[in-house]
N, C-alpha and C. Protein backbone atom coordinates (compact mmCIF):
# COMPACT_ATOMS: atom_id res chain seq x y z
N UNK A 1 211.27 163.51 21.45
CA UNK A 1 212.51 162.73 21.52
C UNK A 1 213.05 162.50 20.11
N UNK A 2 214.29 162.88 19.84
CA UNK A 2 214.88 162.73 18.52
C UNK A 2 215.29 161.29 18.27
N UNK A 3 215.56 160.99 16.99
CA UNK A 3 215.97 159.64 16.65
C UNK A 3 217.32 159.30 17.26
N UNK A 4 218.22 160.34 17.38
CA UNK A 4 219.54 160.10 17.93
C UNK A 4 219.45 159.74 19.42
N UNK A 5 218.49 160.33 20.12
CA UNK A 5 218.37 160.08 21.56
C UNK A 5 217.57 158.85 21.87
N UNK A 6 216.77 158.38 20.93
CA UNK A 6 215.89 157.23 21.18
C UNK A 6 216.67 155.96 21.53
N UNK A 7 217.69 155.55 20.78
CA UNK A 7 218.45 154.35 21.16
C UNK A 7 219.11 154.48 22.53
N UNK A 8 219.58 155.69 22.85
CA UNK A 8 220.21 155.91 24.14
C UNK A 8 219.20 155.77 25.27
N UNK A 9 217.99 156.27 25.04
CA UNK A 9 216.93 156.16 26.05
C UNK A 9 216.55 154.70 26.28
N UNK A 10 216.42 153.95 25.19
CA UNK A 10 216.05 152.52 25.31
C UNK A 10 217.14 151.75 26.03
N UNK A 11 218.40 152.02 25.68
CA UNK A 11 219.51 151.32 26.32
C UNK A 11 219.58 151.64 27.81
N UNK A 12 219.43 152.92 28.16
CA UNK A 12 219.48 153.32 29.57
C UNK A 12 218.32 152.71 30.36
N UNK A 13 217.15 152.66 29.73
CA UNK A 13 215.99 152.08 30.41
C UNK A 13 216.17 150.59 30.63
N UNK A 14 216.70 149.90 29.62
CA UNK A 14 216.93 148.47 29.76
C UNK A 14 217.97 148.17 30.83
N UNK A 15 219.04 148.97 30.88
CA UNK A 15 220.06 148.77 31.90
C UNK A 15 219.52 149.04 33.30
N UNK A 16 218.65 150.03 33.43
CA UNK A 16 218.03 150.30 34.72
C UNK A 16 217.14 149.14 35.16
N UNK A 17 216.35 148.63 34.21
CA UNK A 17 215.51 147.47 34.53
C UNK A 17 216.32 146.25 34.89
N UNK A 18 217.45 146.06 34.16
CA UNK A 18 218.32 144.93 34.47
C UNK A 18 218.95 145.08 35.85
N UNK A 19 219.31 146.31 36.22
CA UNK A 19 219.86 146.54 37.54
C UNK A 19 218.88 146.25 38.65
N UNK A 20 217.59 146.44 38.38
CA UNK A 20 216.57 146.11 39.38
C UNK A 20 216.32 144.61 39.43
N UNK A 21 216.30 143.98 38.24
CA UNK A 21 215.95 142.57 38.17
C UNK A 21 217.07 141.66 38.62
N UNK A 22 218.33 142.00 38.29
CA UNK A 22 219.44 141.10 38.55
C UNK A 22 219.62 140.75 40.02
N UNK A 23 219.60 141.72 40.96
CA UNK A 23 219.72 141.34 42.38
C UNK A 23 218.57 140.43 42.84
N UNK A 24 217.36 140.69 42.34
CA UNK A 24 216.22 139.84 42.70
C UNK A 24 216.41 138.43 42.16
N UNK A 25 216.92 138.33 40.92
CA UNK A 25 217.12 137.02 40.31
C UNK A 25 218.20 136.23 41.04
N UNK A 26 219.32 136.90 41.37
CA UNK A 26 220.40 136.23 42.09
C UNK A 26 219.92 135.77 43.46
N UNK A 27 219.15 136.63 44.14
CA UNK A 27 218.61 136.26 45.46
C UNK A 27 217.70 135.05 45.35
N UNK A 28 216.85 135.04 44.32
CA UNK A 28 215.93 133.91 44.13
C UNK A 28 216.70 132.62 43.86
N UNK A 29 217.72 132.70 43.00
CA UNK A 29 218.50 131.50 42.68
C UNK A 29 219.19 130.94 43.92
N UNK A 30 219.79 131.82 44.72
CA UNK A 30 220.49 131.37 45.93
C UNK A 30 219.51 130.78 46.94
N UNK A 31 218.37 131.44 47.15
CA UNK A 31 217.39 130.93 48.11
C UNK A 31 216.80 129.60 47.63
N UNK A 32 216.52 129.50 46.33
CA UNK A 32 215.98 128.25 45.80
C UNK A 32 217.00 127.11 45.94
N UNK A 33 218.27 127.42 45.68
CA UNK A 33 219.31 126.41 45.84
C UNK A 33 219.42 125.94 47.28
N UNK A 34 219.43 126.89 48.22
CA UNK A 34 219.54 126.53 49.64
C UNK A 34 218.30 125.76 50.10
N UNK A 35 217.13 126.19 49.63
CA UNK A 35 215.89 125.49 50.03
C UNK A 35 215.90 124.05 49.52
N UNK A 36 216.27 123.87 48.24
CA UNK A 36 216.32 122.51 47.69
C UNK A 36 217.38 121.67 48.39
N UNK A 37 218.50 122.30 48.74
CA UNK A 37 219.56 121.57 49.42
C UNK A 37 219.10 121.09 50.79
N UNK A 38 218.49 121.98 51.55
CA UNK A 38 218.04 121.62 52.89
C UNK A 38 216.90 120.60 52.87
N UNK A 39 215.93 120.80 51.96
CA UNK A 39 214.77 119.91 51.95
C UNK A 39 215.10 118.52 51.43
N UNK A 40 216.08 118.41 50.54
CA UNK A 40 216.40 117.09 49.98
C UNK A 40 217.14 116.21 50.98
N UNK A 41 217.83 116.82 51.95
CA UNK A 41 218.60 116.03 52.91
C UNK A 41 217.69 115.16 53.77
N UNK A 42 216.61 115.74 54.26
CA UNK A 42 215.72 115.01 55.18
C UNK A 42 214.48 114.48 54.48
N UNK A 43 214.44 114.48 53.15
CA UNK A 43 213.26 114.01 52.42
C UNK A 43 212.91 112.55 52.75
N UNK A 44 213.88 111.62 52.79
CA UNK A 44 213.50 110.23 53.13
C UNK A 44 212.86 110.10 54.51
N UNK A 45 213.35 110.86 55.48
CA UNK A 45 212.78 110.79 56.82
C UNK A 45 211.36 111.32 56.84
N UNK A 46 211.11 112.43 56.13
CA UNK A 46 209.76 112.99 56.09
C UNK A 46 208.80 112.04 55.40
N UNK A 47 209.23 111.38 54.33
CA UNK A 47 208.37 110.42 53.65
C UNK A 47 208.07 109.23 54.55
N UNK A 48 209.08 108.79 55.31
CA UNK A 48 208.86 107.66 56.23
C UNK A 48 207.87 108.04 57.32
N UNK A 49 207.98 109.24 57.86
CA UNK A 49 207.04 109.68 58.89
C UNK A 49 205.62 109.77 58.34
N UNK A 50 205.48 110.28 57.12
CA UNK A 50 204.15 110.37 56.50
C UNK A 50 203.58 108.99 56.25
N UNK A 51 204.44 108.04 55.87
CA UNK A 51 203.96 106.68 55.62
C UNK A 51 203.53 106.00 56.91
N UNK A 52 204.31 106.18 57.97
CA UNK A 52 203.95 105.58 59.26
C UNK A 52 202.65 106.16 59.78
N UNK A 53 202.44 107.46 59.57
CA UNK A 53 201.22 108.11 60.05
C UNK A 53 200.03 107.86 59.13
N UNK A 54 200.26 107.21 58.00
CA UNK A 54 199.18 106.92 57.07
C UNK A 54 198.70 108.12 56.30
N UNK A 55 199.59 109.11 56.10
CA UNK A 55 199.19 110.34 55.43
C UNK A 55 199.74 110.46 54.02
N UNK A 56 200.50 109.44 53.58
CA UNK A 56 201.15 109.56 52.27
C UNK A 56 200.17 109.51 51.11
N UNK A 57 198.94 109.10 51.33
CA UNK A 57 197.96 109.02 50.26
C UNK A 57 197.19 110.31 50.03
N UNK A 58 197.34 111.26 50.90
CA UNK A 58 196.60 112.52 50.77
C UNK A 58 197.35 113.46 49.83
N UNK A 59 196.62 114.18 48.93
CA UNK A 59 197.29 115.07 47.97
C UNK A 59 197.95 116.28 48.62
N UNK A 60 197.46 116.70 49.78
CA UNK A 60 198.01 117.91 50.40
C UNK A 60 199.29 117.62 51.18
N UNK A 61 199.69 116.34 51.28
CA UNK A 61 200.86 116.02 52.08
C UNK A 61 202.16 116.36 51.36
N UNK A 62 202.15 116.36 50.00
CA UNK A 62 203.38 116.60 49.26
C UNK A 62 203.95 118.01 49.48
N UNK A 63 203.13 119.08 49.35
CA UNK A 63 203.72 120.41 49.66
C UNK A 63 204.08 120.56 51.13
N UNK A 64 203.37 119.85 52.00
CA UNK A 64 203.69 119.93 53.42
C UNK A 64 205.03 119.26 53.72
N UNK A 65 205.38 118.24 52.92
CA UNK A 65 206.64 117.54 53.14
C UNK A 65 207.84 118.47 52.98
N UNK A 66 207.76 119.41 52.03
CA UNK A 66 208.88 120.34 51.83
C UNK A 66 209.11 121.19 53.07
N UNK A 67 208.01 121.63 53.69
CA UNK A 67 208.13 122.43 54.91
C UNK A 67 208.72 121.58 56.04
N UNK A 68 208.23 120.33 56.16
CA UNK A 68 208.75 119.43 57.20
C UNK A 68 210.23 119.14 56.95
N UNK A 69 210.60 118.93 55.68
CA UNK A 69 212.00 118.68 55.34
C UNK A 69 212.89 119.85 55.76
N UNK A 70 212.43 121.06 55.49
CA UNK A 70 213.20 122.23 55.85
C UNK A 70 213.35 122.35 57.36
N UNK A 71 212.26 122.13 58.09
CA UNK A 71 212.32 122.21 59.56
C UNK A 71 213.24 121.14 60.14
N UNK A 72 213.18 119.93 59.59
CA UNK A 72 214.06 118.86 60.06
C UNK A 72 215.53 119.19 59.79
N UNK A 73 215.81 119.72 58.60
CA UNK A 73 217.19 120.07 58.26
C UNK A 73 217.72 121.18 59.16
N UNK A 74 216.90 122.20 59.40
CA UNK A 74 217.32 123.28 60.29
C UNK A 74 217.53 122.78 61.71
N UNK A 75 216.71 121.81 62.13
CA UNK A 75 216.88 121.22 63.47
C UNK A 75 218.20 120.49 63.58
N UNK A 76 218.53 119.71 62.53
CA UNK A 76 219.80 119.00 62.53
C UNK A 76 220.98 119.97 62.56
N UNK A 77 220.89 121.04 61.77
CA UNK A 77 221.96 122.04 61.75
C UNK A 77 222.10 122.70 63.12
N UNK A 78 220.97 123.01 63.75
CA UNK A 78 221.00 123.66 65.06
C UNK A 78 221.62 122.72 66.11
N UNK A 79 221.25 121.44 66.04
CA UNK A 79 221.79 120.46 67.00
C UNK A 79 223.30 120.32 66.81
N UNK A 80 223.74 120.25 65.53
CA UNK A 80 225.18 120.18 65.27
C UNK A 80 225.90 121.42 65.79
N UNK A 81 225.24 122.59 65.66
CA UNK A 81 225.82 123.81 66.19
C UNK A 81 225.97 123.76 67.70
N UNK A 82 224.95 123.19 68.39
CA UNK A 82 225.04 123.04 69.84
C UNK A 82 226.18 122.11 70.23
N UNK A 83 226.34 121.03 69.46
CA UNK A 83 227.42 120.09 69.74
C UNK A 83 228.77 120.76 69.55
N UNK A 84 228.88 121.57 68.48
CA UNK A 84 230.16 122.18 68.17
C UNK A 84 230.55 123.35 69.05
N UNK A 85 229.63 123.82 69.89
CA UNK A 85 229.93 124.97 70.75
C UNK A 85 230.25 124.59 72.18
N UNK A 86 230.37 123.31 72.48
CA UNK A 86 230.80 122.91 73.82
C UNK A 86 232.04 122.02 73.72
N UNK A 87 232.75 121.92 74.80
CA UNK A 87 234.05 121.24 74.80
C UNK A 87 233.93 119.78 74.41
N UNK A 88 232.98 119.07 75.01
CA UNK A 88 232.82 117.64 74.70
C UNK A 88 232.43 117.45 73.24
N UNK A 89 231.53 118.30 72.76
CA UNK A 89 231.10 118.19 71.36
C UNK A 89 232.24 118.42 70.41
N UNK A 90 233.09 119.41 70.70
CA UNK A 90 234.24 119.68 69.82
C UNK A 90 235.22 118.52 69.80
N UNK A 91 235.38 117.87 70.95
CA UNK A 91 236.25 116.70 70.99
C UNK A 91 235.70 115.57 70.13
N UNK A 92 234.38 115.38 70.19
CA UNK A 92 233.75 114.34 69.36
C UNK A 92 233.90 114.67 67.88
N UNK A 93 233.67 115.95 67.52
CA UNK A 93 233.80 116.35 66.12
C UNK A 93 235.24 116.24 65.63
N UNK A 94 236.20 116.55 66.51
CA UNK A 94 237.61 116.41 66.14
C UNK A 94 237.97 114.96 65.87
N UNK A 95 237.46 114.07 66.72
CA UNK A 95 237.70 112.64 66.51
C UNK A 95 237.05 112.15 65.22
N UNK A 96 235.84 112.68 64.92
CA UNK A 96 235.14 112.31 63.69
C UNK A 96 235.90 112.83 62.47
N UNK A 97 236.43 114.06 62.56
CA UNK A 97 237.24 114.60 61.46
C UNK A 97 238.47 113.73 61.21
N UNK A 98 239.13 113.33 62.30
CA UNK A 98 240.33 112.50 62.17
C UNK A 98 240.02 111.18 61.50
N UNK A 99 238.83 110.62 61.83
CA UNK A 99 238.43 109.35 61.22
C UNK A 99 238.21 109.52 59.72
N UNK A 100 237.49 110.59 59.33
CA UNK A 100 237.22 110.80 57.91
C UNK A 100 238.50 111.08 57.13
N UNK A 101 239.44 111.78 57.76
CA UNK A 101 240.69 112.12 57.08
C UNK A 101 241.64 110.94 56.95
N UNK A 102 241.27 109.78 57.51
CA UNK A 102 242.08 108.57 57.35
C UNK A 102 241.51 107.65 56.25
N UNK A 103 240.28 107.92 55.82
CA UNK A 103 239.64 107.04 54.85
C UNK A 103 240.06 107.40 53.43
N UNK A 104 240.47 106.40 52.63
CA UNK A 104 240.86 106.67 51.24
C UNK A 104 239.71 107.32 50.47
N UNK A 105 240.03 108.17 49.52
CA UNK A 105 239.10 108.90 48.67
C UNK A 105 238.31 109.94 49.47
N UNK A 106 237.67 109.51 50.58
CA UNK A 106 236.87 110.44 51.37
C UNK A 106 237.74 111.54 51.95
N UNK A 107 238.96 111.19 52.37
CA UNK A 107 239.82 112.19 53.00
C UNK A 107 240.17 113.32 52.02
N UNK A 108 240.30 112.99 50.74
CA UNK A 108 240.63 114.03 49.76
C UNK A 108 239.47 115.00 49.58
N UNK A 109 238.27 114.44 49.44
CA UNK A 109 237.09 115.28 49.21
C UNK A 109 236.73 116.06 50.47
N UNK A 110 236.66 115.36 51.60
CA UNK A 110 236.27 116.01 52.85
C UNK A 110 237.31 117.03 53.30
N UNK A 111 238.58 116.67 53.15
CA UNK A 111 239.64 117.58 53.57
C UNK A 111 239.64 118.87 52.77
N UNK A 112 239.45 118.75 51.44
CA UNK A 112 239.42 119.94 50.60
C UNK A 112 238.20 120.81 50.91
N UNK A 113 237.04 120.17 51.10
CA UNK A 113 235.82 120.93 51.40
C UNK A 113 235.94 121.64 52.75
N UNK A 114 236.51 120.97 53.72
CA UNK A 114 236.64 121.58 55.05
C UNK A 114 237.62 122.75 55.02
N UNK A 115 238.69 122.63 54.26
CA UNK A 115 239.64 123.73 54.15
C UNK A 115 239.00 124.95 53.50
N UNK A 116 238.16 124.72 52.49
CA UNK A 116 237.48 125.84 51.82
C UNK A 116 236.54 126.54 52.79
N UNK A 117 235.75 125.76 53.55
CA UNK A 117 234.81 126.35 54.50
C UNK A 117 235.56 127.10 55.59
N UNK A 118 236.62 126.52 56.11
CA UNK A 118 237.41 127.19 57.16
C UNK A 118 238.05 128.47 56.65
N UNK A 119 238.37 128.50 55.36
CA UNK A 119 239.00 129.68 54.79
C UNK A 119 238.02 130.86 54.73
N UNK A 120 236.74 130.57 54.45
CA UNK A 120 235.77 131.63 54.24
C UNK A 120 235.02 132.04 55.49
N UNK A 121 235.20 131.38 56.62
CA UNK A 121 234.42 131.74 57.79
C UNK A 121 235.29 131.77 59.04
N UNK A 122 234.74 132.42 60.06
CA UNK A 122 235.35 132.40 61.38
C UNK A 122 236.49 133.38 61.55
N UNK A 123 236.86 133.65 62.82
CA UNK A 123 237.93 134.61 63.08
C UNK A 123 239.30 134.13 62.67
N UNK A 124 239.46 132.83 62.46
CA UNK A 124 240.76 132.27 62.11
C UNK A 124 240.90 132.03 60.61
N UNK A 125 240.04 132.67 59.81
CA UNK A 125 240.11 132.44 58.38
C UNK A 125 241.47 132.89 57.84
N UNK A 126 241.81 132.38 56.70
CA UNK A 126 243.17 132.55 56.19
C UNK A 126 243.42 133.89 55.54
N UNK A 127 242.38 134.62 55.15
CA UNK A 127 242.58 135.88 54.45
C UNK A 127 243.15 136.92 55.41
N UNK A 128 244.33 137.44 55.09
CA UNK A 128 245.00 138.39 55.97
C UNK A 128 244.62 139.83 55.65
N UNK A 129 244.57 140.17 54.37
CA UNK A 129 244.18 141.52 53.99
C UNK A 129 243.80 141.53 52.51
N UNK A 130 243.18 142.64 52.11
CA UNK A 130 242.72 142.80 50.73
C UNK A 130 243.73 143.66 49.99
N UNK A 131 244.09 143.24 48.79
CA UNK A 131 245.10 143.96 48.01
C UNK A 131 244.66 144.10 46.56
N UNK A 132 245.33 144.99 45.87
CA UNK A 132 245.21 145.13 44.42
C UNK A 132 246.52 144.68 43.78
N UNK A 133 246.41 144.00 42.66
CA UNK A 133 247.60 143.61 41.91
C UNK A 133 247.26 143.58 40.42
N UNK A 134 248.26 143.74 39.60
CA UNK A 134 248.04 143.75 38.16
C UNK A 134 247.98 142.30 37.65
N UNK A 135 246.77 141.87 37.35
CA UNK A 135 246.52 140.49 36.91
C UNK A 135 245.24 140.50 36.09
N UNK A 136 245.17 139.80 34.97
CA UNK A 136 246.15 138.84 34.41
C UNK A 136 247.23 139.46 33.54
N UNK A 137 247.22 140.79 33.37
CA UNK A 137 248.27 141.42 32.58
C UNK A 137 248.50 142.83 33.10
N UNK A 138 249.49 143.47 32.56
CA UNK A 138 249.84 144.83 32.97
C UNK A 138 248.67 145.78 32.74
N UNK A 139 248.46 146.68 33.71
CA UNK A 139 247.41 147.71 33.66
C UNK A 139 246.00 147.16 33.84
N UNK A 140 245.86 145.89 34.13
CA UNK A 140 244.56 145.32 34.50
C UNK A 140 244.62 144.96 35.98
N UNK A 141 243.83 145.66 36.80
CA UNK A 141 243.93 145.50 38.25
C UNK A 141 242.87 144.54 38.76
N UNK A 142 243.28 143.63 39.62
CA UNK A 142 242.39 142.64 40.21
C UNK A 142 242.40 142.75 41.73
N UNK A 143 241.27 142.42 42.31
CA UNK A 143 241.14 142.40 43.77
C UNK A 143 241.55 141.02 44.27
N UNK A 144 242.39 140.97 45.28
CA UNK A 144 242.85 139.69 45.80
C UNK A 144 242.96 139.69 47.31
N UNK A 145 243.11 138.49 47.86
CA UNK A 145 243.25 138.30 49.30
C UNK A 145 244.61 137.65 49.58
N UNK A 146 245.38 138.27 50.43
CA UNK A 146 246.65 137.68 50.83
C UNK A 146 246.37 136.50 51.75
N UNK A 147 246.81 135.32 51.33
CA UNK A 147 246.56 134.10 52.10
C UNK A 147 247.74 133.76 52.99
N UNK A 148 248.95 133.91 52.46
CA UNK A 148 250.14 133.54 53.25
C UNK A 148 251.36 134.23 52.67
N UNK A 149 252.40 134.30 53.47
CA UNK A 149 253.70 134.82 53.02
C UNK A 149 254.73 133.71 53.18
N UNK A 150 255.38 133.36 52.09
CA UNK A 150 256.29 132.21 52.08
C UNK A 150 257.68 132.62 51.64
N UNK A 151 258.66 131.82 52.03
CA UNK A 151 260.03 132.08 51.63
C UNK A 151 260.20 131.84 50.12
N UNK A 152 260.93 132.74 49.49
CA UNK A 152 261.18 132.62 48.05
C UNK A 152 262.38 131.70 47.83
N UNK A 153 262.17 130.42 48.02
CA UNK A 153 263.26 129.44 47.91
C UNK A 153 263.72 129.26 46.47
N UNK A 154 262.88 129.60 45.50
CA UNK A 154 263.25 129.47 44.09
C UNK A 154 263.85 130.76 43.53
N UNK A 155 263.93 131.80 44.37
CA UNK A 155 264.49 133.09 43.96
C UNK A 155 263.76 133.63 42.72
N UNK A 156 262.44 133.67 42.83
CA UNK A 156 261.62 134.17 41.73
C UNK A 156 261.58 135.70 41.70
N UNK A 157 261.86 136.34 42.82
CA UNK A 157 261.81 137.79 42.89
C UNK A 157 263.02 138.31 43.64
N UNK A 158 263.16 139.63 43.68
CA UNK A 158 264.30 140.23 44.36
C UNK A 158 264.15 140.17 45.88
N UNK A 159 262.92 140.00 46.36
CA UNK A 159 262.69 139.91 47.81
C UNK A 159 262.92 138.49 48.30
N UNK A 160 263.02 138.34 49.61
CA UNK A 160 263.24 137.02 50.19
C UNK A 160 261.95 136.22 50.34
N UNK A 161 260.81 136.89 50.20
CA UNK A 161 259.53 136.21 50.39
C UNK A 161 258.62 136.44 49.19
N UNK A 162 257.61 135.59 49.09
CA UNK A 162 256.56 135.72 48.08
C UNK A 162 255.21 135.67 48.79
N UNK A 163 254.26 136.41 48.27
CA UNK A 163 252.91 136.40 48.82
C UNK A 163 252.03 135.46 48.00
N UNK A 164 251.29 134.58 48.70
CA UNK A 164 250.27 133.77 48.05
C UNK A 164 248.98 134.56 48.09
N UNK A 165 248.48 134.94 46.91
CA UNK A 165 247.29 135.80 46.80
C UNK A 165 246.20 135.04 46.06
N UNK A 166 245.02 134.99 46.68
CA UNK A 166 243.86 134.36 46.06
C UNK A 166 243.05 135.44 45.34
N UNK A 167 242.82 135.24 44.04
CA UNK A 167 242.04 136.18 43.23
C UNK A 167 240.72 135.52 42.88
N UNK A 168 239.62 135.92 43.53
CA UNK A 168 238.33 135.26 43.29
C UNK A 168 237.70 135.69 41.97
N UNK A 169 236.80 134.86 41.46
CA UNK A 169 236.05 135.19 40.26
C UNK A 169 234.75 135.88 40.64
N UNK A 170 234.13 136.51 39.67
CA UNK A 170 232.88 137.25 39.85
C UNK A 170 231.78 136.63 39.01
N UNK A 171 230.56 136.46 39.53
CA UNK A 171 230.10 136.82 40.88
C UNK A 171 230.21 135.67 41.89
N UNK A 172 230.91 134.59 41.51
CA UNK A 172 231.06 133.44 42.40
C UNK A 172 232.47 133.46 43.00
N UNK A 173 232.64 133.98 44.21
CA UNK A 173 233.99 134.13 44.77
C UNK A 173 234.57 132.85 45.35
N UNK A 174 233.82 131.72 45.28
CA UNK A 174 234.37 130.47 45.81
C UNK A 174 235.36 129.83 44.85
N UNK A 175 235.40 130.30 43.62
CA UNK A 175 236.42 129.84 42.67
C UNK A 175 237.32 131.01 42.32
N UNK A 176 238.48 130.71 41.79
CA UNK A 176 239.41 131.78 41.45
C UNK A 176 240.78 131.26 41.11
N UNK A 177 241.78 132.12 41.28
CA UNK A 177 243.15 131.79 40.92
C UNK A 177 244.07 132.09 42.09
N UNK A 178 245.09 131.26 42.24
CA UNK A 178 246.10 131.46 43.26
C UNK A 178 247.40 131.84 42.57
N UNK A 179 247.94 133.01 42.93
CA UNK A 179 249.18 133.48 42.32
C UNK A 179 250.21 133.76 43.40
N UNK A 180 251.47 133.58 43.05
CA UNK A 180 252.58 133.95 43.92
C UNK A 180 253.20 135.22 43.36
N UNK A 181 253.30 136.24 44.20
CA UNK A 181 253.73 137.54 43.73
C UNK A 181 254.66 138.17 44.75
N UNK A 182 255.57 139.00 44.28
CA UNK A 182 256.47 139.71 45.18
C UNK A 182 255.69 140.71 46.02
N UNK A 183 256.03 140.89 47.29
CA UNK A 183 255.31 141.84 48.14
C UNK A 183 255.27 143.25 47.57
N UNK A 184 256.28 143.65 46.83
CA UNK A 184 256.30 144.99 46.27
C UNK A 184 255.36 145.18 45.10
N UNK A 185 254.72 144.09 44.61
CA UNK A 185 253.83 144.16 43.47
C UNK A 185 252.36 144.24 43.86
N UNK A 186 252.05 144.23 45.15
CA UNK A 186 250.66 144.33 45.59
C UNK A 186 250.49 145.61 46.39
N UNK A 187 249.26 146.11 46.43
CA UNK A 187 248.96 147.36 47.11
C UNK A 187 247.75 147.16 48.01
N UNK A 188 247.94 147.38 49.29
CA UNK A 188 246.85 147.23 50.24
C UNK A 188 245.83 148.34 50.04
N UNK A 189 244.55 148.00 50.26
CA UNK A 189 243.48 148.99 50.15
C UNK A 189 242.63 148.94 51.42
N UNK A 190 241.89 150.00 51.64
CA UNK A 190 241.09 150.14 52.85
C UNK A 190 239.77 149.40 52.69
N UNK A 191 239.86 148.08 52.54
CA UNK A 191 238.69 147.20 52.42
C UNK A 191 238.82 146.08 53.43
N UNK A 192 237.73 145.81 54.15
CA UNK A 192 237.71 144.60 54.96
C UNK A 192 237.40 143.41 54.05
N UNK A 193 237.56 142.20 54.57
CA UNK A 193 237.26 141.01 53.76
C UNK A 193 235.79 141.00 53.36
N UNK A 194 234.90 141.36 54.30
CA UNK A 194 233.46 141.38 54.01
C UNK A 194 233.14 142.40 52.93
N UNK A 195 233.75 143.59 53.00
CA UNK A 195 233.50 144.62 51.99
C UNK A 195 234.00 144.17 50.62
N UNK A 196 235.13 143.48 50.59
CA UNK A 196 235.67 143.00 49.32
C UNK A 196 234.75 141.96 48.70
N UNK A 197 234.20 141.07 49.51
CA UNK A 197 233.28 140.06 48.98
C UNK A 197 232.02 140.70 48.42
N UNK A 198 231.49 141.73 49.10
CA UNK A 198 230.32 142.43 48.58
C UNK A 198 230.64 143.07 47.23
N UNK A 199 231.82 143.65 47.13
CA UNK A 199 232.25 144.29 45.89
C UNK A 199 232.33 143.28 44.76
N UNK A 200 232.86 142.09 45.05
CA UNK A 200 233.03 141.06 44.03
C UNK A 200 231.70 140.46 43.60
N UNK A 201 230.87 140.11 44.58
CA UNK A 201 229.59 139.47 44.27
C UNK A 201 228.67 140.41 43.51
N UNK A 202 228.72 141.71 43.80
CA UNK A 202 227.85 142.68 43.15
C UNK A 202 228.40 143.17 41.81
N UNK A 203 229.45 142.53 41.31
CA UNK A 203 230.07 142.93 40.04
C UNK A 203 230.65 144.34 40.09
N UNK A 204 231.07 144.74 41.29
CA UNK A 204 231.67 146.06 41.44
C UNK A 204 230.67 147.18 41.67
N UNK A 205 229.38 146.85 41.76
CA UNK A 205 228.36 147.88 41.93
C UNK A 205 228.34 148.39 43.37
N UNK A 206 228.45 147.47 44.33
CA UNK A 206 228.39 147.82 45.74
C UNK A 206 229.81 147.91 46.28
N UNK A 207 230.15 149.02 46.89
CA UNK A 207 231.48 149.17 47.47
C UNK A 207 231.93 150.62 47.48
N UNK A 208 232.77 150.95 48.44
CA UNK A 208 233.30 152.30 48.53
C UNK A 208 234.48 152.47 47.60
N UNK A 209 234.97 153.71 47.49
CA UNK A 209 236.10 153.98 46.62
C UNK A 209 237.34 153.26 47.11
N UNK A 210 238.18 152.87 46.16
CA UNK A 210 239.42 152.18 46.49
C UNK A 210 240.44 153.20 46.99
N UNK A 211 240.78 153.12 48.26
CA UNK A 211 241.75 154.04 48.86
C UNK A 211 242.76 153.24 49.66
N UNK A 212 243.97 153.80 49.85
CA UNK A 212 244.97 153.10 50.67
C UNK A 212 244.55 153.10 52.13
N UNK A 213 245.03 152.14 52.91
CA UNK A 213 244.72 152.12 54.34
C UNK A 213 245.31 153.31 55.06
N UNK A 214 244.81 153.59 56.26
CA UNK A 214 245.27 154.74 57.03
C UNK A 214 246.75 154.61 57.34
N UNK A 215 247.18 153.39 57.71
CA UNK A 215 248.57 153.15 58.05
C UNK A 215 249.37 152.92 56.78
N UNK A 216 250.30 153.81 56.48
CA UNK A 216 251.11 153.65 55.27
C UNK A 216 252.06 152.49 55.37
N UNK A 217 252.30 152.00 56.59
CA UNK A 217 253.22 150.87 56.77
C UNK A 217 252.65 149.59 56.20
N UNK A 218 251.30 149.54 56.03
CA UNK A 218 250.68 148.31 55.54
C UNK A 218 250.63 148.25 54.03
N UNK A 219 251.23 149.23 53.35
CA UNK A 219 251.23 149.25 51.90
C UNK A 219 252.45 148.52 51.34
N UNK A 220 253.17 147.83 52.20
CA UNK A 220 254.28 146.97 51.80
C UNK A 220 255.39 147.75 51.13
N UNK A 221 255.62 148.97 51.59
CA UNK A 221 256.74 149.74 51.09
C UNK A 221 256.51 150.39 49.75
N UNK A 222 255.32 150.27 49.17
CA UNK A 222 255.06 150.89 47.88
C UNK A 222 254.19 152.13 48.06
N UNK A 223 254.18 152.97 47.03
CA UNK A 223 253.35 154.17 47.06
C UNK A 223 252.12 153.93 46.22
N UNK A 224 250.97 153.56 46.84
CA UNK A 224 249.79 153.22 46.05
C UNK A 224 249.21 154.40 45.31
N UNK A 225 249.37 155.60 45.85
CA UNK A 225 248.83 156.75 45.18
C UNK A 225 249.53 156.97 43.85
N UNK A 226 250.84 156.74 43.85
CA UNK A 226 251.60 156.91 42.62
C UNK A 226 251.24 155.86 41.59
N UNK A 227 250.97 154.64 42.08
CA UNK A 227 250.68 153.55 41.14
C UNK A 227 249.24 153.57 40.68
N UNK A 228 248.31 153.87 41.63
CA UNK A 228 246.89 153.78 41.32
C UNK A 228 246.33 155.07 40.79
N UNK A 229 246.99 156.18 41.07
CA UNK A 229 246.46 157.45 40.63
C UNK A 229 246.98 157.81 39.28
């Protein structure tokens, strides 16, 4: 191996090792966060049960409490899921939502959190399609989600409407930027919402080639091949 090739070999080897380690590290961080989140919710109940049973003095009870906390949290989540999947339960949850949305301070926090969750899940989520647009400057292309189409009451563009496009950050797509753009400035691509999220979270490593959708009518009147090619 020559001296000229040695730095290239080391760099390539390090990048390969990083590519193997990074997904494992991200997975560990997410699992650890979820585990700590779930176990901390029911921790007081598990400690109370151990105290009532007279087991809080044993050294082996502390690691067992984490398992009990996780099981209790999953049970609560499952029960809430059962409640939310029947008519009576949905009525109760709707009434509870209405109550929280009337309380000062709480309504702002709870309302915003609920809107974010509703946006990212379920068949009624707000993301209509995946598009490409030049952001934050010319010739820099960003992946975005069309959230809504609104009337251009301020006459910001030549069209009568403006698209509200959410541009998520990488690798955390729960934050990002909201931009208003003319429909002729975005280009639809053949990506589902799930495929786009995988592409964003993986830093662009996971994902198919960016191609226009089969239906040319969904490209909003623009020629993506001319712009993207």
